Amino acid sequence: MEPLTKRQERALKAILKFFDDEDRPPTIRELAELLRCHVKTVYQYILVLERKGYIERRKGRIHVPPALRGDRSVPIVGRVAAGTPILAAQNIDGYLSLAPILCKREGTFALTVRGDSMVGAHICDGDYVIVRQQPTVENGEIGVVIVNDEATVKRIRKAGRHVRLLAENPAIPPMELDTAAEDVRIVGKVVGVVRKIS
């Protein structure tokens, strides 16, 4: 990337700070207010920052590459059952910002929990589970499992070709699976839970 002048660097820092504070890009007017300058001047900064490779514009909105802003968001790729398994359809429903400690590896994503089978592990209906994509988990760890095209979050115990998916709710019995007879695939390990409190 080409070096920036002090004024261009100030404009870039203002954009990055706005991203951190608001979790969205600033508008040209918002940036003009932050920099205390005219909208035309801000537009010139944007053109230069884009030409030098520090930002991109998509549909008129400023986009900063994740590597430059230390992106702390992961895609929300769907819902996962904490009860009866639901169809495992992957669609990005948005992005969830996280502390950097949860997102150090690529392949980390979030799922919205539906159901109450994991309340004993403090995973409740409406929570987001943060999942590190990996094909196996250690015995007793909580993971996301696809069983015959349906996804669920459970504590996993393996013994040979048999897998037990254990709920953290005494009202819900364990699922006993034979991997030779059923299509069972571990998607990843649950590494965190995020809960919105209104």
C-alpha atoms as a PDB file:
ATOM      1  CA  MET A   1       0.000   0.000   0.000  1.00  0.00           C
ATOM      2  CA  GLU A   2       1.111   3.532  -0.714  1.00  0.00           C
ATOM      3  CA  PRO A   3       1.990   5.681   2.310  1.00  0.00           C
ATOM      4  CA  LEU A   4      -0.545   8.210   3.556  1.00  0.00           C
ATOM      5  CA  THR A   5      -0.168  11.877   4.339  1.00  0.00           C
ATOM      6  CA  LYS A   6      -0.938  12.954   7.907  1.00  0.00           C
ATOM      7  CA  ARG A   7      -4.393  14.205   6.878  1.00  0.00           C
ATOM      8  CA  GLN A   8      -5.181  11.001   4.983  1.00  0.00           C
ATOM      9  CA  GLU A   9      -4.004   8.946   7.971  1.00  0.00           C
ATOM     10  CA  ARG A  10      -6.244  11.030  10.238  1.00  0.00           C
ATOM     11  CA  ALA A  11      -9.208  10.313   7.964  1.00  0.00           C
ATOM     12  CA  LEU A  12      -8.444   6.579   7.975  1.00  0.00           C
ATOM     13  CA  LYS A  13      -8.139   6.536  11.785  1.00  0.00           C
ATOM     14  CA  ALA A  14     -11.497   8.287  12.057  1.00  0.00           C
ATOM     15  CA  ILE A  15     -13.085   5.622   9.824  1.00  0.00           C
ATOM     16  CA  LEU A  16     -11.548   2.791  11.863  1.00  0.00           C
ATOM     17  CA  LYS A  17     -12.643   4.359  15.167  1.00  0.00           C
ATOM     18  CA  PHE A  18     -16.180   4.781  13.841  1.00  0.00           C
ATOM     19  CA  PHE A  19     -16.218   1.092  12.844  1.00  0.00           C
ATOM     20  CA  ASP A  20     -15.088   0.117  16.360  1.00  0.00           C
ATOM     21  CA  ASP A  21     -17.617   2.367  18.087  1.00  0.00           C
ATOM     22  CA  GLU A  22     -20.658   1.841  15.868  1.00  0.00           C
ATOM     23  CA  ASP A  23     -19.927  -1.516  14.188  1.00  0.00           C
ATOM     24  CA  ARG A  24     -20.774   0.025  10.808  1.00  0.00           C
ATOM     25  CA  PRO A  25     -19.092   2.350   8.311  1.00  0.00           C
ATOM     26  CA  PRO A  26     -19.563   6.107   8.644  1.00  0.00           C
ATOM     27  CA  THR A  27     -21.462   8.080   6.040  1.00  0.00           C
ATOM     28  CA  ILE A  28     -19.662  10.899   4.234  1.00  0.00           C
ATOM     29  CA  ARG A  29     -21.563  13.435   6.372  1.00  0.00           C
ATOM     30  CA  GLU A  30     -20.701  11.623   9.612  1.00  0.00           C
ATOM     31  CA  LEU A  31     -17.053  11.531   8.601  1.00  0.00           C
ATOM     32  CA  ALA A  32     -17.132  15.234   7.730  1.00  0.00           C
ATOM     33  CA  GLU A  33     -18.480  15.982  11.226  1.00  0.00           C
ATOM     34  CA  LEU A  34     -15.788  13.826  12.853  1.00  0.00           C
ATOM     35  CA  LEU A  35     -13.008  15.490  10.870  1.00  0.00           C
ATOM     36  CA  ARG A  36     -14.614  18.941  11.069  1.00  0.00           C
ATOM     37  CA  CYS A  37     -14.238  19.567   7.386  1.00  0.00           C
ATOM     38  CA  HIS A  38     -16.374  19.966   4.272  1.00  0.00           C
ATOM     39  CA  VAL A  39     -18.124  17.006   2.657  1.00  0.00           C
ATOM     40  CA  LYS A  40     -16.168  17.638  -0.583  1.00  0.00           C
ATOM     41  CA  THR A  41     -12.893  17.308   1.331  1.00  0.00           C
ATOM     42  CA  VAL A  42     -14.026  14.019   2.877  1.00  0.00           C
ATOM     43  CA  TYR A  43     -15.001  12.727  -0.553  1.00  0.00           C
ATOM     44  CA  GLN A  44     -11.448  13.476  -1.780  1.00  0.00           C
ATOM     45  CA  TYR A  45     -10.009  11.567   1.210  1.00  0.00           C
ATOM     46  CA  ILE A  46     -12.236   8.603   0.369  1.00  0.00           C
ATOM     47  CA  LEU A  47     -11.095   8.597  -3.265  1.00  0.00           C
ATOM     48  CA  VAL A  48      -7.411   8.678  -2.232  1.00  0.00           C
ATOM     49  CA  LEU A  49      -7.813   5.992   0.461  1.00  0.00           C
ATOM     50  CA  GLU A  50      -9.587   3.782  -2.056  1.00  0.00           C
ATOM     51  CA  ARG A  51      -6.941   4.346  -4.736  1.00  0.00           C
ATOM     52  CA  LYS A  52      -4.163   3.532  -2.248  1.00  0.00           C
ATOM     53  CA  GLY A  53      -5.907   0.298  -1.229  1.00  0.00           C
ATOM     54  CA  TYR A  54      -6.862   1.157   2.357  1.00  0.00           C
ATOM     55  CA  ILE A  55     -10.618   1.034   1.809  1.00  0.00           C
ATOM     56  CA  GLU A  56     -13.146  -0.125  -0.768  1.00  0.00           C
ATOM     57  CA  ARG A  57     -16.567   1.207  -1.610  1.00  0.00           C
ATOM     58  CA  ARG A  58     -19.473  -1.145  -2.149  1.00  0.00           C
ATOM     59  CA  LYS A  59     -22.854   0.264  -3.138  1.00  0.00           C
ATOM     60  CA  GLY A  60     -21.725   3.649  -1.884  1.00  0.00           C
ATOM     61  CA  ARG A  61     -20.669   2.347   1.544  1.00  0.00           C
ATOM     62  CA  ILE A  62     -17.131   2.368   2.911  1.00  0.00           C
ATOM     63  CA  HIS A  63     -15.625  -1.068   3.471  1.00  0.00           C
ATOM     64  CA  VAL A  64     -12.339  -1.613   5.321  1.00  0.00           C
ATOM     65  CA  PRO A  65     -10.561  -4.967   4.811  1.00  0.00           C
ATOM     66  CA  PRO A  66     -10.767  -7.147   7.974  1.00  0.00           C
ATOM     67  CA  ALA A  67      -6.961  -7.367   8.273  1.00  0.00           C
ATOM     68  CA  LEU A  68      -6.718  -3.579   8.504  1.00  0.00           C
ATOM     69  CA  ARG A  69      -9.370  -3.059  11.165  1.00  0.00           C
ATOM     70  CA  GLY A  70      -8.721  -6.219  13.185  1.00  0.00           C
ATOM     71  CA  ASP A  71     -12.222  -7.441  12.382  1.00  0.00           C
ATOM     72  CA  ARG A  72     -13.882  -9.076  15.386  1.00  0.00           C
ATOM     73  CA  SER A  73     -17.011 -10.315  13.696  1.00  0.00           C
ATOM     74  CA  VAL A  74     -18.078 -13.789  12.671  1.00  0.00           C
ATOM     75  CA  PRO A  75     -20.931 -14.723  10.357  1.00  0.00           C
ATOM     76  CA  ILE A  76     -24.193 -15.932  11.849  1.00  0.00           C
ATOM     77  CA  VAL A  77     -24.833 -18.870   9.516  1.00  0.00           C
ATOM     78  CA  GLY A  78     -28.196 -20.101  10.770  1.00  0.00           C
ATOM     79  CA  ARG A  79     -29.936 -21.660  13.757  1.00  0.00           C
ATOM     80  CA  VAL A  80     -29.122 -24.757  15.775  1.00  0.00           C
ATOM     81  CA  ALA A  81     -31.546 -26.763  17.886  1.00  0.00           C
ATOM     82  CA  ALA A  82     -31.126 -27.132  21.611  1.00  0.00           C
ATOM     83  CA  GLY A  83     -33.991 -29.583  21.636  1.00  0.00           C
ATOM     84  CA  THR A  84     -35.407 -31.462  18.659  1.00  0.00           C
ATOM     85  CA  PRO A  85     -32.904 -31.218  15.765  1.00  0.00           C
ATOM     86  CA  ILE A  86     -33.803 -28.761  13.008  1.00  0.00           C
ATOM     87  CA  LEU A  87     -32.860 -28.689   9.333  1.00  0.00           C
ATOM     88  CA  ALA A  88     -29.220 -27.669   8.873  1.00  0.00           C
ATOM     89  CA  ALA A  89     -29.484 -24.911   6.289  1.00  0.00           C
ATOM     90  CA  GLN A  90     -26.556 -22.517   6.029  1.00  0.00           C
ATOM     91  CA  ASN A  91     -27.500 -18.944   5.212  1.00  0.00           C
ATOM     92  CA  ILE A  92     -25.633 -15.949   6.555  1.00  0.00           C
ATOM     93  CA  ASP A  93     -28.168 -14.117   8.758  1.00  0.00           C
ATOM     94  CA  GLY A  94     -25.783 -11.278   9.609  1.00  0.00           C
ATOM     95  CA  TYR A  95     -22.561 -10.766  11.548  1.00  0.00           C
ATOM     96  CA  LEU A  96     -21.867 -10.955  15.255  1.00  0.00           C
ATOM     97  CA  SER A  97     -19.036  -8.867  16.717  1.00  0.00           C
ATOM     98  CA  LEU A  98     -16.904 -10.612  19.328  1.00  0.00           C
ATOM     99  CA  ALA A  99     -13.903 -10.058  21.506  1.00  0.00           C
ATOM    100  CA  PRO A 100     -10.748 -11.019  19.579  1.00  0.00           C
ATOM    101  CA  ILE A 101     -10.078 -14.011  21.847  1.00  0.00           C
ATOM    102  CA  LEU A 102     -13.017 -15.900  20.354  1.00  0.00           C
ATOM    103  CA  CYS A 103     -12.090 -15.239  16.730  1.00  0.00           C
ATOM    104  CA  LYS A 104      -8.384 -15.916  16.426  1.00  0.00           C
ATOM    105  CA  ARG A 105      -8.927 -18.806  14.013  1.00  0.00           C
ATOM    106  CA  GLU A 106     -10.547 -18.821  10.635  1.00  0.00           C
ATOM    107  CA  GLY A 107     -13.590 -21.056  10.453  1.00  0.00           C
ATOM    108  CA  THR A 108     -15.216 -19.584  13.562  1.00  0.00           C
ATOM    109  CA  PHE A 109     -18.930 -18.846  13.170  1.00  0.00           C
ATOM    110  CA  ALA A 110     -22.068 -18.228  15.219  1.00  0.00           C
ATOM    111  CA  LEU A 111     -25.397 -20.056  15.392  1.00  0.00           C
ATOM    112  CA  THR A 112     -28.629 -18.898  17.002  1.00  0.00           C
ATOM    113  CA  VAL A 113     -29.876 -21.424  19.566  1.00  0.00           C
ATOM    114  CA  ARG A 114     -33.483 -22.599  19.466  1.00  0.00           C
ATOM    115  CA  GLY A 115     -34.738 -24.729  22.366  1.00  0.00           C
ATOM    116  CA  ASP A 116     -33.875 -25.399  25.997  1.00  0.00           C
ATOM    117  CA  SER A 117     -31.999 -28.695  26.013  1.00  0.00           C
ATOM    118  CA  MET A 118     -28.694 -27.045  27.025  1.00  0.00           C
ATOM    119  CA  VAL A 119     -29.865 -24.739  29.818  1.00  0.00           C
ATOM    120  CA  GLY A 120     -27.750 -26.630  32.357  1.00  0.00           C
ATOM    121  CA  ALA A 121     -24.673 -25.519  30.408  1.00  0.00           C
ATOM    122  CA  HIS A 122     -26.004 -21.935  30.393  1.00  0.00           C
ATOM    123  CA  ILE A 123     -26.923 -22.128  26.703  1.00  0.00           C
ATOM    124  CA  CYS A 124     -30.466 -20.799  26.404  1.00  0.00           C
ATOM    125  CA  ASP A 125     -33.035 -20.239  23.692  1.00  0.00           C
ATOM    126  CA  GLY A 126     -32.064 -17.143  21.685  1.00  0.00           C
ATOM    127  CA  ASP A 127     -28.367 -17.253  22.645  1.00  0.00           C
ATOM    128  CA  TYR A 128     -25.614 -17.306  20.062  1.00  0.00           C
ATOM    129  CA  VAL A 129     -23.150 -20.186  20.305  1.00  0.00           C
ATOM    130  CA  ILE A 130     -19.692 -19.465  18.925  1.00  0.00           C
ATOM    131  CA  VAL A 131     -18.436 -22.527  17.073  1.00  0.00           C
ATOM    132  CA  ARG A 132     -14.881 -23.329  16.003  1.00  0.00           C
ATOM    133  CA  GLN A 133     -15.159 -25.459  12.890  1.00  0.00           C
ATOM    134  CA  GLN A 134     -13.400 -28.801  13.406  1.00  0.00           C
ATOM    135  CA  PRO A 135     -14.229 -32.421  12.550  1.00  0.00           C
ATOM    136  CA  THR A 136     -13.821 -33.864  16.069  1.00  0.00           C
ATOM    137  CA  VAL A 137     -14.204 -32.874  19.714  1.00  0.00           C
ATOM    138  CA  GLU A 138     -12.910 -34.426  22.919  1.00  0.00           C
ATOM    139  CA  ASN A 139     -15.275 -36.646  24.910  1.00  0.00           C
ATOM    140  CA  GLY A 140     -17.514 -34.511  27.094  1.00  0.00           C
ATOM    141  CA  GLU A 141     -17.092 -31.299  25.109  1.00  0.00           C
ATOM    142  CA  ILE A 142     -20.061 -29.394  23.711  1.00  0.00           C
ATOM    143  CA  GLY A 143     -20.267 -29.382  19.953  1.00  0.00           C
ATOM    144  CA  VAL A 144     -22.553 -28.900  16.994  1.00  0.00           C
ATOM    145  CA  VAL A 145     -23.484 -32.157  15.300  1.00  0.00           C
ATOM    146  CA  ILE A 146     -25.353 -32.825  12.071  1.00  0.00           C
ATOM    147  CA  VAL A 147     -27.492 -35.963  12.201  1.00  0.00           C
ATOM    148  CA  ASN A 148     -29.168 -36.913   8.919  1.00  0.00           C
ATOM    149  CA  ASP A 149     -29.059 -33.291   7.672  1.00  0.00           C
ATOM    150  CA  GLU A 150     -30.341 -31.811  10.954  1.00  0.00           C
ATOM    151  CA  ALA A 151     -28.124 -29.805  13.323  1.00  0.00           C
ATOM    152  CA  THR A 152     -28.137 -29.795  17.113  1.00  0.00           C
ATOM    153  CA  VAL A 153     -25.886 -28.578  19.925  1.00  0.00           C
ATOM    154  CA  LYS A 154     -25.143 -31.181  22.608  1.00  0.00           C
ATOM    155  CA  ARG A 155     -22.447 -32.567  24.880  1.00  0.00           C
ATOM    156  CA  ILE A 156     -20.736 -35.348  22.906  1.00  0.00           C
ATOM    157  CA  ARG A 157     -19.551 -38.740  24.143  1.00  0.00           C
ATOM    158  CA  LYS A 158     -17.990 -41.221  21.709  1.00  0.00           C
ATOM    159  CA  ALA A 159     -17.359 -44.940  22.109  1.00  0.00           C
ATOM    160  CA  GLY A 160     -16.201 -46.720  18.974  1.00  0.00           C
ATOM    161  CA  ARG A 161     -18.810 -46.275  16.295  1.00  0.00           C
ATOM    162  CA  HIS A 162     -21.420 -45.090  18.805  1.00  0.00           C
ATOM    163  CA  VAL A 163     -22.055 -41.467  19.736  1.00  0.00           C
ATOM    164  CA  ARG A 164     -24.188 -40.189  22.617  1.00  0.00           C
ATOM    165  CA  LEU A 165     -25.515 -36.664  22.374  1.00  0.00           C
ATOM    166  CA  LEU A 166     -26.290 -35.499  25.892  1.00  0.00           C
ATOM    167  CA  ALA A 167     -28.645 -32.685  26.756  1.00  0.00           C
ATOM    168  CA  GLU A 168     -28.023 -30.439  29.756  1.00  0.00           C
ATOM    169  CA  ASN A 169     -31.675 -30.626  30.729  1.00  0.00           C
ATOM    170  CA  PRO A 170     -32.950 -33.623  32.758  1.00  0.00           C
ATOM    171  CA  ALA A 171     -36.270 -33.585  30.876  1.00  0.00           C
ATOM    172  CA  ILE A 172     -34.554 -34.449  27.578  1.00  0.00           C
ATOM    173  CA  PRO A 173     -33.178 -37.976  27.073  1.00  0.00           C
ATOM    174  CA  PRO A 174     -29.810 -38.593  25.408  1.00  0.00           C
ATOM    175  CA  MET A 175     -29.649 -39.397  21.708  1.00  0.00           C
ATOM    176  CA  GLU A 176     -27.915 -42.728  21.052  1.00  0.00           C
ATOM    177  CA  LEU A 177     -26.460 -42.889  17.537  1.00  0.00           C
ATOM    178  CA  ASP A 178     -24.721 -45.609  15.542  1.00  0.00           C
ATOM    179  CA  THR A 179     -22.413 -43.909  13.059  1.00  0.00           C
ATOM    180  CA  ALA A 180     -22.505 -47.005  10.834  1.00  0.00           C
ATOM    181  CA  ALA A 181     -26.287 -46.729  10.458  1.00  0.00           C
ATOM    182  CA  GLU A 182     -26.816 -42.982  10.569  1.00  0.00           C
ATOM    183  CA  ASP A 183     -25.154 -39.990   8.922  1.00  0.00           C
ATOM    184  CA  VAL A 184     -23.480 -38.278  11.887  1.00  0.00           C
ATOM    185  CA  ARG A 185     -21.008 -35.450  11.394  1.00  0.00           C
ATOM    186  CA  ILE A 186     -19.394 -33.156  13.950  1.00  0.00           C
ATOM    187  CA  VAL A 187     -19.344 -29.595  12.640  1.00  0.00           C
ATOM    188  CA  GLY A 188     -17.326 -28.011  15.405  1.00  0.00           C
ATOM    189  CA  LYS A 189     -16.703 -27.268  19.060  1.00  0.00           C
ATOM    190  CA  VAL A 190     -18.698 -24.665  20.972  1.00  0.00           C
ATOM    191  CA  VAL A 191     -16.121 -22.171  22.289  1.00  0.00           C
ATOM    192  CA  GLY A 192     -18.391 -19.441  23.590  1.00  0.00           C
ATOM    193  CA  VAL A 193     -21.914 -18.209  24.205  1.00  0.00           C
ATOM    194  CA  VAL A 194     -23.212 -14.695  23.625  1.00  0.00           C
ATOM    195  CA  ARG A 195     -26.493 -13.555  25.129  1.00  0.00           C
ATOM    196  CA  LYS A 196     -28.360 -10.364  24.399  1.00  0.00           C
ATOM    197  CA  ILE A 197     -29.999  -8.792  27.439  1.00  0.00           C
ATOM    198  CA  SER A 198     -32.754  -6.313  26.605  1.00  0.00           C
END
